[in-house]
Amino acid sequence: IDPVGSGESTDADGPSGLSSNFNASMKGTAFPPAVMIASTWNKDLARQ
């Protein structure tokens, strides 16, 4: 929105990493699902 200087941003789906439904090149690492992360009881790992 140019009149207020608000630039365009891009969002991606999740939650197990970044994935795009529209651009095949805009995909990140496919991480283990949340239930596996929770099973570690490791807050530091979740933060990483």
ModelCIF file with pLDDT and N, C-alpha, C, O atoms, coordinates in Angstrom:
data_MODEL
#
_entry.id   MODEL 
#
_entity.id                         1 
_entity.type                       polymer 
_entity.pdbx_number_of_molecules   1 
#
_entity_poly.entity_id                      1 
_entity_poly.type                           'polypeptide(L)' 
_entity_poly.nstd_linkage                   no 
_entity_poly.nstd_monomer                   no 
_entity_poly.pdbx_seq_one_letter_code       IDPVGSGESTDADGPSGLSSNFNASMKGTAFPPAVMIASTWNKDLARQ 
_entity_poly.pdbx_seq_one_letter_code_can   IDPVGSGESTDADGPSGLSSNFNASMKGTAFPPAVMIASTWNKDLARQ 
_entity_poly.pdbx_strand_id                 A 
#
loop_
_entity_poly_seq.entity_id 
_entity_poly_seq.num 
_entity_poly_seq.mon_id 
_entity_poly_seq.hetero 
1 1  ILE n 
1 2  ASP n 
1 3  PRO n 
1 4  VAL n 
1 5  GLY n 
1 6  SER n 
1 7  GLY n 
1 8  GLU n 
1 9  SER n 
1 10 THR n 
1 11 ASP n 
1 12 ALA n 
1 13 ASP n 
1 14 GLY n 
1 15 PRO n 
1 16 SER n 
1 17 GLY n 
1 18 LEU n 
1 19 SER n 
1 20 SER n 
1 21 ASN n 
1 22 PHE n 
1 23 ASN n 
1 24 ALA n 
1 25 SER n 
1 26 MET n 
1 27 LYS n 
1 28 GLY n 
1 29 THR n 
1 30 ALA n 
1 31 PHE n 
1 32 PRO n 
1 33 PRO n 
1 34 ALA n 
1 35 VAL n 
1 36 MET n 
1 37 ILE n 
1 38 ALA n 
1 39 SER n 
1 40 THR n 
1 41 TRP n 
1 42 ASN n 
1 43 LYS n 
1 44 ASP n 
1 45 LEU n 
1 46 ALA n 
1 47 ARG n 
1 48 GLN n 
#
_struct_asym.id          A 
_struct_asym.entity_id   1 
#
loop_
_ma_qa_metric.id 
_ma_qa_metric.mode 
_ma_qa_metric.name 
_ma_qa_metric.software_group_id 
_ma_qa_metric.type 
1 global pLDDT . pLDDT 
2 local  pLDDT . pLDDT 
#
_ma_qa_metric_global.metric_id      1 
_ma_qa_metric_global.metric_value   91.38 
_ma_qa_metric_global.model_id       1 
_ma_qa_metric_global.ordinal_id     1 
#
loop_
_ma_qa_metric_local.label_asym_id 
_ma_qa_metric_local.label_comp_id 
_ma_qa_metric_local.label_seq_id 
_ma_qa_metric_local.metric_id 
_ma_qa_metric_local.metric_value 
_ma_qa_metric_local.model_id 
_ma_qa_metric_local.ordinal_id 
A ILE 1  2 92.00 1 1  
A ASP 2  2 90.00 1 2  
A PRO 3  2 88.00 1 3  
A VAL 4  2 94.00 1 4  
A GLY 5  2 93.00 1 5  
A SER 6  2 91.00 1 6  
A GLY 7  2 89.00 1 7  
A GLU 8  2 90.00 1 8  
A SER 9  2 89.00 1 9  
A THR 10 2 92.00 1 10 
A ASP 11 2 93.00 1 11 
A ALA 12 2 93.00 1 12 
A ASP 13 2 91.00 1 13 
A GLY 14 2 87.00 1 14 
A PRO 15 2 92.00 1 15 
A SER 16 2 92.00 1 16 
A GLY 17 2 92.00 1 17 
A LEU 18 2 94.00 1 18 
A SER 19 2 90.00 1 19 
A SER 20 2 85.00 1 20 
A ASN 21 2 79.00 1 21 
A PHE 22 2 80.00 1 22 
A ASN 23 2 80.00 1 23 
A ALA 24 2 80.00 1 24 
A SER 25 2 82.00 1 25 
A MET 26 2 85.00 1 26 
A LYS 27 2 89.00 1 27 
A GLY 28 2 92.00 1 28 
A THR 29 2 94.00 1 29 
A ALA 30 2 93.00 1 30 
A PHE 31 2 94.00 1 31 
A PRO 32 2 93.00 1 32 
A PRO 33 2 92.00 1 33 
A ALA 34 2 95.00 1 34 
A VAL 35 2 94.00 1 35 
A MET 36 2 95.00 1 36 
A ILE 37 2 95.00 1 37 
A ALA 38 2 96.00 1 38 
A SER 39 2 96.00 1 39 
A THR 40 2 95.00 1 40 
A TRP 41 2 95.00 1 41 
A ASN 42 2 96.00 1 42 
A LYS 43 2 96.00 1 43 
A ASP 44 2 96.00 1 44 
A LEU 45 2 96.00 1 45 
A ALA 46 2 97.00 1 46 
A ARG 47 2 97.00 1 47 
A GLN 48 2 97.00 1 48 
#
loop_
_atom_site.group_PDB 
_atom_site.id 
_atom_site.type_symbol 
_atom_site.label_atom_id 
_atom_site.label_alt_id 
_atom_site.label_comp_id 
_atom_site.label_asym_id 
_atom_site.label_entity_id 
_atom_site.label_seq_id 
_atom_site.pdbx_PDB_ins_code 
_atom_site.Cartn_x 
_atom_site.Cartn_y 
_atom_site.Cartn_z 
_atom_site.occupancy 
_atom_site.B_iso_or_equiv 
_atom_site.pdbx_formal_charge 
_atom_site.auth_seq_id 
_atom_site.auth_comp_id 
_atom_site.auth_asym_id 
_atom_site.auth_atom_id 
_atom_site.pdbx_PDB_model_num 
ATOM 1   N N  . ILE A 1 1  ? 0.884  -1.173  0.000  1.00 92.00 ? 1  ILE A N  1 
ATOM 2   C CA . ILE A 1 1  ? 0.000  0.000   0.000  1.00 92.00 ? 1  ILE A CA 1 
ATOM 3   C C  . ILE A 1 1  ? 0.921  1.221   0.000  1.00 92.00 ? 1  ILE A C  1 
ATOM 4   O O  . ILE A 1 1  ? 1.361  1.687   1.051  1.00 92.00 ? 1  ILE A O  1 
ATOM 5   N N  . ASP A 1 2  ? 1.198  1.722   -1.190 1.00 90.00 ? 2  ASP A N  1 
ATOM 6   C CA . ASP A 1 2  ? 2.213  2.749   -1.372 1.00 90.00 ? 2  ASP A CA 1 
ATOM 7   C C  . ASP A 1 2  ? 1.961  4.039   -0.590 1.00 90.00 ? 2  ASP A C  1 
ATOM 8   O O  . ASP A 1 2  ? 2.913  4.606   -0.055 1.00 90.00 ? 2  ASP A O  1 
ATOM 9   N N  . PRO A 1 3  ? 0.712  4.530   -0.500 1.00 88.00 ? 3  PRO A N  1 
ATOM 10  C CA . PRO A 1 3  ? 0.512  5.812   0.177  1.00 88.00 ? 3  PRO A CA 1 
ATOM 11  C C  . PRO A 1 3  ? 0.977  5.842   1.637  1.00 88.00 ? 3  PRO A C  1 
ATOM 12  O O  . PRO A 1 3  ? 1.294  6.911   2.160  1.00 88.00 ? 3  PRO A O  1 
ATOM 13  N N  . VAL A 1 4  ? 1.021  4.690   2.294  1.00 94.00 ? 4  VAL A N  1 
ATOM 14  C CA . VAL A 1 4  ? 1.484  4.677   3.686  1.00 94.00 ? 4  VAL A CA 1 
ATOM 15  C C  . VAL A 1 4  ? 2.812  3.937   3.818  1.00 94.00 ? 4  VAL A C  1 
ATOM 16  O O  . VAL A 1 4  ? 3.260  3.654   4.929  1.00 94.00 ? 4  VAL A O  1 
ATOM 17  N N  . GLY A 1 5  ? 3.448  3.622   2.676  1.00 93.00 ? 5  GLY A N  1 
ATOM 18  C CA . GLY A 1 5  ? 4.773  3.011   2.716  1.00 93.00 ? 5  GLY A CA 1 
ATOM 19  C C  . GLY A 1 5  ? 4.783  1.583   3.204  1.00 93.00 ? 5  GLY A C  1 
ATOM 20  O O  . GLY A 1 5  ? 5.804  1.114   3.708  1.00 93.00 ? 5  GLY A O  1 
ATOM 21  N N  . SER A 1 6  ? 3.671  0.876   3.069  1.00 91.00 ? 6  SER A N  1 
ATOM 22  C CA . SER A 1 6  ? 3.595  -0.507  3.510  1.00 91.00 ? 6  SER A CA 1 
ATOM 23  C C  . SER A 1 6  ? 3.975  -1.423  2.352  1.00 91.00 ? 6  SER A C  1 
ATOM 24  O O  . SER A 1 6  ? 3.289  -1.460  1.330  1.00 91.00 ? 6  SER A O  1 
ATOM 25  N N  . GLY A 1 7  ? 5.066  -2.159  2.515  1.00 89.00 ? 7  GLY A N  1 
ATOM 26  C CA . GLY A 1 7  ? 5.554  -3.004  1.439  1.00 89.00 ? 7  GLY A CA 1 
ATOM 27  C C  . GLY A 1 7  ? 4.852  -4.337  1.371  1.00 89.00 ? 7  GLY A C  1 
ATOM 28  O O  . GLY A 1 7  ? 4.155  -4.738  2.304  1.00 89.00 ? 7  GLY A O  1 
ATOM 29  N N  . GLU A 1 8  ? 5.042  -5.024  0.254  1.00 90.00 ? 8  GLU A N  1 
ATOM 30  C CA . GLU A 1 8  ? 4.447  -6.343  0.088  1.00 90.00 ? 8  GLU A CA 1 
ATOM 31  C C  . GLU A 1 8  ? 5.207  -7.365  0.925  1.00 90.00 ? 8  GLU A C  1 
ATOM 32  O O  . GLU A 1 8  ? 6.426  -7.275  1.074  1.00 90.00 ? 8  GLU A O  1 
ATOM 33  N N  . SER A 1 9  ? 4.481  -8.332  1.467  1.00 89.00 ? 9  SER A N  1 
ATOM 34  C CA . SER A 1 9  ? 5.106  -9.409  2.218  1.00 89.00 ? 9  SER A CA 1 
ATOM 35  C C  . SER A 1 9  ? 4.606  -10.742 1.680  1.00 89.00 ? 9  SER A C  1 
ATOM 36  O O  . SER A 1 9  ? 3.576  -10.808 1.010  1.00 89.00 ? 9  SER A O  1 
ATOM 37  N N  . THR A 1 10 ? 5.346  -11.796 1.980  1.00 92.00 ? 10 THR A N  1 
ATOM 38  C CA . THR A 1 10 ? 5.002  -13.133 1.502  1.00 92.00 ? 10 THR A CA 1 
ATOM 39  C C  . THR A 1 10 ? 4.880  -14.085 2.679  1.00 92.00 ? 10 THR A C  1 
ATOM 40  O O  . THR A 1 10 ? 5.780  -14.161 3.515  1.00 92.00 ? 10 THR A O  1 
ATOM 41  N N  . ASP A 1 11 ? 3.773  -14.810 2.747  1.00 93.00 ? 11 ASP A N  1 
ATOM 42  C CA . ASP A 1 11 ? 3.546  -15.796 3.794  1.00 93.00 ? 11 ASP A CA 1 
ATOM 43  C C  . ASP A 1 11 ? 3.586  -17.193 3.197  1.00 93.00 ? 11 ASP A C  1 
ATOM 44  O O  . ASP A 1 11 ? 3.289  -17.389 2.019  1.00 93.00 ? 11 ASP A O  1 
ATOM 45  N N  . ALA A 1 12 ? 3.958  -18.164 4.028  1.00 93.00 ? 12 ALA A N  1 
ATOM 46  C CA . ALA A 1 12 ? 4.012  -19.555 3.586  1.00 93.00 ? 12 ALA A CA 1 
ATOM 47  C C  . ALA A 1 12 ? 3.270  -20.437 4.571  1.00 93.00 ? 12 ALA A C  1 
ATOM 48  O O  . ALA A 1 12 ? 3.122  -20.099 5.746  1.00 93.00 ? 12 ALA A O  1 
ATOM 49  N N  . ASP A 1 13 ? 2.811  -21.560 4.077  1.00 91.00 ? 13 ASP A N  1 
ATOM 50  C CA . ASP A 1 13 ? 2.083  -22.491 4.913  1.00 91.00 ? 13 ASP A CA 1 
ATOM 51  C C  . ASP A 1 13 ? 3.041  -23.232 5.844  1.00 91.00 ? 13 ASP A C  1 
ATOM 52  O O  . ASP A 1 13 ? 4.260  -23.122 5.717  1.00 91.00 ? 13 ASP A O  1 
ATOM 53  N N  . GLY A 1 14 ? 2.472  -23.983 6.776  1.00 87.00 ? 14 GLY A N  1 
ATOM 54  C CA . GLY A 1 14 ? 3.225  -24.759 7.746  1.00 87.00 ? 14 GLY A CA 1 
ATOM 55  C C  . GLY A 1 14 ? 2.349  -25.893 8.209  1.00 87.00 ? 14 GLY A C  1 
ATOM 56  O O  . GLY A 1 14 ? 1.487  -26.331 7.447  1.00 87.00 ? 14 GLY A O  1 
ATOM 57  N N  . PRO A 1 15 ? 2.524  -26.406 9.444  1.00 92.00 ? 15 PRO A N  1 
ATOM 58  C CA . PRO A 1 15 ? 3.422  -25.847 10.446 1.00 92.00 ? 15 PRO A CA 1 
ATOM 59  C C  . PRO A 1 15 ? 4.780  -26.544 10.551 1.00 92.00 ? 15 PRO A C  1 
ATOM 60  O O  . PRO A 1 15 ? 5.648  -26.075 11.288 1.00 92.00 ? 15 PRO A O  1 
ATOM 61  N N  . SER A 1 16 ? 4.987  -27.664 9.824  1.00 92.00 ? 16 SER A N  1 
ATOM 62  C CA . SER A 1 16 ? 6.255  -28.393 9.951  1.00 92.00 ? 16 SER A CA 1 
ATOM 63  C C  . SER A 1 16 ? 7.266  -27.872 8.943  1.00 92.00 ? 16 SER A C  1 
ATOM 64  O O  . SER A 1 16 ? 7.741  -28.607 8.078  1.00 92.00 ? 16 SER A O  1 
ATOM 65  N N  . GLY A 1 17 ? 7.583  -26.598 9.071  1.00 92.00 ? 17 GLY A N  1 
ATOM 66  C CA . GLY A 1 17 ? 8.471  -25.959 8.115  1.00 92.00 ? 17 GLY A CA 1 
ATOM 67  C C  . GLY A 1 17 ? 7.695  -25.105 7.136  1.00 92.00 ? 17 GLY A C  1 
ATOM 68  O O  . GLY A 1 17 ? 6.468  -25.034 7.195  1.00 92.00 ? 17 GLY A O  1 
ATOM 69  N N  . LEU A 1 18 ? 8.413  -24.461 6.236  1.00 94.00 ? 18 LEU A N  1 
ATOM 70  C CA . LEU A 1 18 ? 7.810  -23.558 5.265  1.00 94.00 ? 18 LEU A CA 1 
ATOM 71  C C  . LEU A 1 18 ? 7.488  -24.300 3.974  1.00 94.00 ? 18 LEU A C  1 
ATOM 72  O O  . LEU A 1 18 ? 8.316  -25.051 3.458  1.00 94.00 ? 18 LEU A O  1 
ATOM 73  N N  . SER A 1 19 ? 6.289  -24.086 3.457  1.00 90.00 ? 19 SER A N  1 
ATOM 74  C CA . SER A 1 19 ? 5.910  -24.689 2.177  1.00 90.00 ? 19 SER A CA 1 
ATOM 75  C C  . SER A 1 19 ? 4.983  -23.739 1.450  1.00 90.00 ? 19 SER A C  1 
ATOM 76  O O  . SER A 1 19 ? 4.143  -23.089 2.072  1.00 90.00 ? 19 SER A O  1 
ATOM 77  N N  . SER A 1 20 ? 5.128  -23.655 0.150  1.00 85.00 ? 20 SER A N  1 
ATOM 78  C CA . SER A 1 20 ? 4.319  -22.759 -0.671 1.00 85.00 ? 20 SER A CA 1 
ATOM 79  C C  . SER A 1 20 ? 3.414  -23.560 -1.588 1.00 85.00 ? 20 SER A C  1 
ATOM 80  O O  . SER A 1 20 ? 3.846  -24.516 -2.231 1.00 85.00 ? 20 SER A O  1 
ATOM 81  N N  . ASN A 1 21 ? 2.152  -23.157 -1.639 1.00 79.00 ? 21 ASN A N  1 
ATOM 82  C CA . ASN A 1 21 ? 1.204  -23.788 -2.551 1.00 79.00 ? 21 ASN A CA 1 
ATOM 83  C C  . ASN A 1 21 ? 1.286  -23.218 -3.963 1.00 79.00 ? 21 ASN A C  1 
ATOM 84  O O  . ASN A 1 21 ? 0.633  -23.719 -4.878 1.00 79.00 ? 21 ASN A O  1 
ATOM 85  N N  . PHE A 1 22 ? 2.081  -22.180 -4.138 1.00 80.00 ? 22 PHE A N  1 
ATOM 86  C CA . PHE A 1 22 ? 2.073  -21.459 -5.402 1.00 80.00 ? 22 PHE A CA 1 
ATOM 87  C C  . PHE A 1 22 ? 3.441  -21.388 -6.063 1.00 80.00 ? 22 PHE A C  1 
ATOM 88  O O  . PHE A 1 22 ? 3.536  -21.166 -7.270 1.00 80.00 ? 22 PHE A O  1 
ATOM 89  N N  . ASN A 1 23 ? 4.500  -21.577 -5.283 1.00 80.00 ? 23 ASN A N  1 
ATOM 90  C CA . ASN A 1 23 ? 5.840  -21.435 -5.831 1.00 80.00 ? 23 ASN A CA 1 
ATOM 91  C C  . ASN A 1 23 ? 6.689  -22.599 -5.332 1.00 80.00 ? 23 ASN A C  1 
ATOM 92  O O  . ASN A 1 23 ? 7.065  -22.635 -4.161 1.00 80.00 ? 23 ASN A O  1 
ATOM 93  N N  . ALA A 1 24 ? 6.993  -23.546 -6.211 1.00 80.00 ? 24 ALA A N  1 
ATOM 94  C CA . ALA A 1 24 ? 7.713  -24.761 -5.818 1.00 80.00 ? 24 ALA A CA 1 
ATOM 95  C C  . ALA A 1 24 ? 9.104  -24.463 -5.282 1.00 80.00 ? 24 ALA A C  1 
ATOM 96  O O  . ALA A 1 24 ? 9.649  -25.253 -4.511 1.00 80.00 ? 24 ALA A O  1 
ATOM 97  N N  . SER A 1 25 ? 9.685  -23.339 -5.675 1.00 82.00 ? 25 SER A N  1 
ATOM 98  C CA . SER A 1 25 ? 11.039 -23.009 -5.223 1.00 82.00 ? 25 SER A CA 1 
ATOM 99  C C  . SER A 1 25 ? 11.053 -22.400 -3.824 1.00 82.00 ? 25 SER A C  1 
ATOM 100 O O  . SER A 1 25 ? 12.114 -22.278 -3.213 1.00 82.00 ? 25 SER A O  1 
ATOM 101 N N  . MET A 1 26 ? 9.883  -22.018 -3.315 1.00 85.00 ? 26 MET A N  1 
ATOM 102 C CA . MET A 1 26 ? 9.822  -21.376 -2.002 1.00 85.00 ? 26 MET A CA 1 
ATOM 103 C C  . MET A 1 26 ? 9.392  -22.394 -0.952 1.00 85.00 ? 26 MET A C  1 
ATOM 104 O O  . MET A 1 26 ? 8.339  -22.254 -0.331 1.00 85.00 ? 26 MET A O  1 
ATOM 105 N N  . LYS A 1 27 ? 10.214 -23.412 -0.762 1.00 89.00 ? 27 LYS A N  1 
ATOM 106 C CA . LYS A 1 27 ? 9.937  -24.423 0.234  1.00 89.00 ? 27 LYS A CA 1 
ATOM 107 C C  . LYS A 1 27 ? 11.168 -24.643 1.090  1.00 89.00 ? 27 LYS A C  1 
ATOM 108 O O  . LYS A 1 27 ? 12.291 -24.734 0.594  1.00 89.00 ? 27 LYS A O  1 
ATOM 109 N N  . GLY A 1 28 ? 10.926 -24.725 2.394  1.00 92.00 ? 28 GLY A N  1 
ATOM 110 C CA . GLY A 1 28 ? 12.021 -24.955 3.309  1.00 92.00 ? 28 GLY A CA 1 
ATOM 111 C C  . GLY A 1 28 ? 12.108 -26.417 3.698  1.00 92.00 ? 28 GLY A C  1 
ATOM 112 O O  . GLY A 1 28 ? 11.543 -27.291 3.041  1.00 92.00 ? 28 GLY A O  1 
ATOM 113 N N  . THR A 1 29 ? 12.827 -26.662 4.778  1.00 94.00 ? 29 THR A N  1 
ATOM 114 C CA . THR A 1 29 ? 13.017 -28.026 5.274  1.00 94.00 ? 29 THR A CA 1 
ATOM 115 C C  . THR A 1 29 ? 11.707 -28.599 5.791  1.00 94.00 ? 29 THR A C  1 
ATOM 116 O O  . THR A 1 29 ? 10.942 -27.903 6.459  1.00 94.00 ? 29 THR A O  1 
ATOM 117 N N  . ALA A 1 30 ? 11.445 -29.869 5.484  1.00 93.00 ? 30 ALA A N  1 
ATOM 118 C CA . ALA A 1 30 ? 10.278 -30.565 6.035  1.00 93.00 ? 30 ALA A CA 1 
ATOM 119 C C  . ALA A 1 30 ? 10.695 -31.188 7.367  1.00 93.00 ? 30 ALA A C  1 
ATOM 120 O O  . ALA A 1 30 ? 11.310 -32.253 7.396  1.00 93.00 ? 30 ALA A O  1 
ATOM 121 N N  . PHE A 1 31 ? 10.358 -30.522 8.459  1.00 94.00 ? 31 PHE A N  1 
ATOM 122 C CA . PHE A 1 31 ? 10.753 -30.982 9.786  1.00 94.00 ? 31 PHE A CA 1 
ATOM 123 C C  . PHE A 1 31 ? 9.803  -32.061 10.296 1.00 94.00 ? 31 PHE A C  1 
ATOM 124 O O  . PHE A 1 31 ? 8.705  -32.215 9.761  1.00 94.00 ? 31 PHE A O  1 
ATOM 125 N N  . PRO A 1 32 ? 10.210 -32.812 11.325 1.00 93.00 ? 32 PRO A N  1 
ATOM 126 C CA . PRO A 1 32 ? 9.279  -33.767 11.950 1.00 93.00 ? 32 PRO A CA 1 
ATOM 127 C C  . PRO A 1 32 ? 8.055  -33.031 12.471 1.00 93.00 ? 32 PRO A C  1 
ATOM 128 O O  . PRO A 1 32 ? 8.135  -31.845 12.788 1.00 93.00 ? 32 PRO A O  1 
ATOM 129 N N  . PRO A 1 33 ? 6.919  -33.724 12.564 1.00 92.00 ? 33 PRO A N  1 
ATOM 130 C CA . PRO A 1 33 ? 5.689  -33.060 13.017 1.00 92.00 ? 33 PRO A CA 1 
ATOM 131 C C  . PRO A 1 33 ? 5.772  -32.642 14.474 1.00 92.00 ? 33 PRO A C  1 
ATOM 132 O O  . PRO A 1 33 ? 6.647  -33.080 15.221 1.00 92.00 ? 33 PRO A O  1 
ATOM 133 N N  . ALA A 1 34 ? 4.839  -31.783 14.856 1.00 95.00 ? 34 ALA A N  1 
ATOM 134 C CA . ALA A 1 34 ? 4.866  -31.192 16.197 1.00 95.00 ? 34 ALA A CA 1 
ATOM 135 C C  . ALA A 1 34 ? 4.790  -32.238 17.294 1.00 95.00 ? 34 ALA A C  1 
ATOM 136 O O  . ALA A 1 34 ? 5.427  -32.082 18.336 1.00 95.00 ? 34 ALA A O  1 
ATOM 137 N N  . VAL A 1 35 ? 4.022  -33.309 17.082 1.00 94.00 ? 35 VAL A N  1 
ATOM 138 C CA . VAL A 1 35 ? 3.875  -34.318 18.123 1.00 94.00 ? 35 VAL A CA 1 
ATOM 139 C C  . VAL A 1 35 ? 5.214  -34.989 18.423 1.00 94.00 ? 35 VAL A C  1 
ATOM 140 O O  . VAL A 1 35 ? 5.457  -35.395 19.559 1.00 94.00 ? 35 VAL A O  1 
ATOM 141 N N  . MET A 1 36 ? 6.082  -35.111 17.422 1.00 95.00 ? 36 MET A N  1 
ATOM 142 C CA . MET A 1 36 ? 7.397  -35.695 17.665 1.00 95.00 ? 36 MET A CA 1 
ATOM 143 C C  . MET A 1 36 ? 8.283  -34.709 18.427 1.00 95.00 ? 36 MET A C  1 
ATOM 144 O O  . MET A 1 36 ? 9.039  -35.106 19.314 1.00 95.00 ? 36 MET A O  1 
ATOM 145 N N  . ILE A 1 37 ? 8.189  -33.423 18.080 1.00 95.00 ? 37 ILE A N  1 
ATOM 146 C CA . ILE A 1 37 ? 8.945  -32.410 18.815 1.00 95.00 ? 37 ILE A CA 1 
ATOM 147 C C  . ILE A 1 37 ? 8.508  -32.382 20.276 1.00 95.00 ? 37 ILE A C  1 
ATOM 148 O O  . ILE A 1 37 ? 9.344  -32.315 21.177 1.00 95.00 ? 37 ILE A O  1 
ATOM 149 N N  . ALA A 1 38 ? 7.189  -32.433 20.509 1.00 96.00 ? 38 ALA A N  1 
ATOM 150 C CA . ALA A 1 38 ? 6.679  -32.411 21.876 1.00 96.00 ? 38 ALA A CA 1 
ATOM 151 C C  . ALA A 1 38 ? 7.127  -33.640 22.659 1.00 96.00 ? 38 ALA A C  1 
ATOM 152 O O  . ALA A 1 38 ? 7.331  -33.560 23.870 1.00 96.00 ? 38 ALA A O  1 
ATOM 153 N N  . SER A 1 39 ? 7.280  -34.756 21.991 1.00 96.00 ? 39 SER A N  1 
ATOM 154 C CA . SER A 1 39 ? 7.670  -35.989 22.656 1.00 96.00 ? 39 SER A CA 1 
ATOM 155 C C  . SER A 1 39 ? 9.101  -35.926 23.190 1.00 96.00 ? 39 SER A C  1 
ATOM 156 O O  . SER A 1 39 ? 9.470  -36.731 24.045 1.00 96.00 ? 39 SER A O  1 
ATOM 157 N N  . THR A 1 40 ? 9.894  -35.004 22.711 1.00 95.00 ? 40 THR A N  1 
ATOM 158 C CA . THR A 1 40 ? 11.254 -34.854 23.225 1.00 95.00 ? 40 THR A CA 1 
ATOM 159 C C  . THR A 1 40 ? 11.290 -34.113 24.558 1.00 95.00 ? 40 THR A C  1 
ATOM 160 O O  . THR A 1 40 ? 12.280 -34.204 25.283 1.00 95.00 ? 40 THR A O  1 
ATOM 161 N N  . TRP A 1 41 ? 10.229 -33.381 24.895 1.00 95.00 ? 41 TRP A N  1 
ATOM 162 C CA . TRP A 1 41 ? 10.210 -32.541 26.108 1.00 95.00 ? 41 TRP A CA 1 
ATOM 163 C C  . TRP A 1 41 ? 11.436 -31.614 26.158 1.00 95.00 ? 41 TRP A C  1 
ATOM 164 O O  . TRP A 1 41 ? 11.978 -31.342 27.229 1.00 95.00 ? 41 TRP A O  1 
ATOM 165 N N  . ASN A 1 42 ? 11.851 -31.148 25.005 1.00 96.00 ? 42 ASN A N  1 
ATOM 166 C CA . ASN A 1 42 ? 13.078 -30.368 24.907 1.00 96.00 ? 42 ASN A CA 1 
ATOM 167 C C  . ASN A 1 42 ? 12.757 -28.985 24.362 1.00 96.00 ? 42 ASN A C  1 
ATOM 168 O O  . ASN A 1 42 ? 12.612 -28.805 23.153 1.00 96.00 ? 42 ASN A O  1 
ATOM 169 N N  . LYS A 1 43 ? 12.646 -28.001 25.262 1.00 96.00 ? 43 LYS A N  1 
ATOM 170 C CA . LYS A 1 43 ? 12.304 -26.647 24.842 1.00 96.00 ? 43 LYS A CA 1 
ATOM 171 C C  . LYS A 1 43 ? 13.381 -26.054 23.931 1.00 96.00 ? 43 LYS A C  1 
ATOM 172 O O  . LYS A 1 43 ? 13.072 -25.347 22.972 1.00 96.00 ? 43 LYS A O  1 
ATOM 173 N N  . ASP A 1 44 ? 14.642 -26.347 24.238 1.00 96.00 ? 44 ASP A N  1 
ATOM 174 C CA . ASP A 1 44 ? 15.736 -25.806 23.427 1.00 96.00 ? 44 ASP A CA 1 
ATOM 175 C C  . ASP A 1 44 ? 15.658 -26.320 21.993 1.00 96.00 ? 44 ASP A C  1 
ATOM 176 O O  . ASP A 1 44 ? 15.911 -25.577 21.045 1.00 96.00 ? 44 ASP A O  1 
ATOM 177 N N  . LEU A 1 45 ? 15.308 -27.595 21.843 1.00 96.00 ? 45 LEU A N  1 
ATOM 178 C CA . LEU A 1 45 ? 15.190 -28.161 20.505 1.00 96.00 ? 45 LEU A CA 1 
ATOM 179 C C  . LEU A 1 45 ? 14.043 -27.503 19.748 1.00 96.00 ? 45 LEU A C  1 
ATOM 180 O O  . LEU A 1 45 ? 14.167 -27.216 18.558 1.00 96.00 ? 45 LEU A O  1 
ATOM 181 N N  . ALA A 1 46 ? 12.923 -27.262 20.437 1.00 97.00 ? 46 ALA A N  1 
ATOM 182 C CA . ALA A 1 46 ? 11.795 -26.586 19.799 1.00 97.00 ? 46 ALA A CA 1 
ATOM 183 C C  . ALA A 1 46 ? 12.181 -25.178 19.363 1.00 97.00 ? 46 ALA A C  1 
ATOM 184 O O  . ALA A 1 46 ? 11.807 -24.726 18.281 1.00 97.00 ? 46 ALA A O  1 
ATOM 185 N N  . ARG A 1 47 ? 12.924 -24.499 20.208 1.00 97.00 ? 47 ARG A N  1 
ATOM 186 C CA . ARG A 1 47 ? 13.350 -23.137 19.860 1.00 97.00 ? 47 ARG A CA 1 
ATOM 187 C C  . ARG A 1 47 ? 14.293 -23.154 18.651 1.00 97.00 ? 47 ARG A C  1 
ATOM 188 O O  . ARG A 1 47 ? 14.241 -22.271 17.796 1.00 97.00 ? 47 ARG A O  1 
ATOM 189 N N  . GLN A 1 48 ? 15.155 -24.177 18.598 1.00 97.00 ? 48 GLN A N  1 
ATOM 190 C CA . GLN A 1 48 ? 16.062 -24.288 17.454 1.00 97.00 ? 48 GLN A CA 1 
ATOM 191 C C  . GLN A 1 48 ? 15.285 -24.487 16.162 1.00 97.00 ? 48 GLN A C  1 
ATOM 192 O O  . GLN A 1 48 ? 15.884 -24.601 15.092 1.00 97.00 ? 48 GLN A O  1 
#
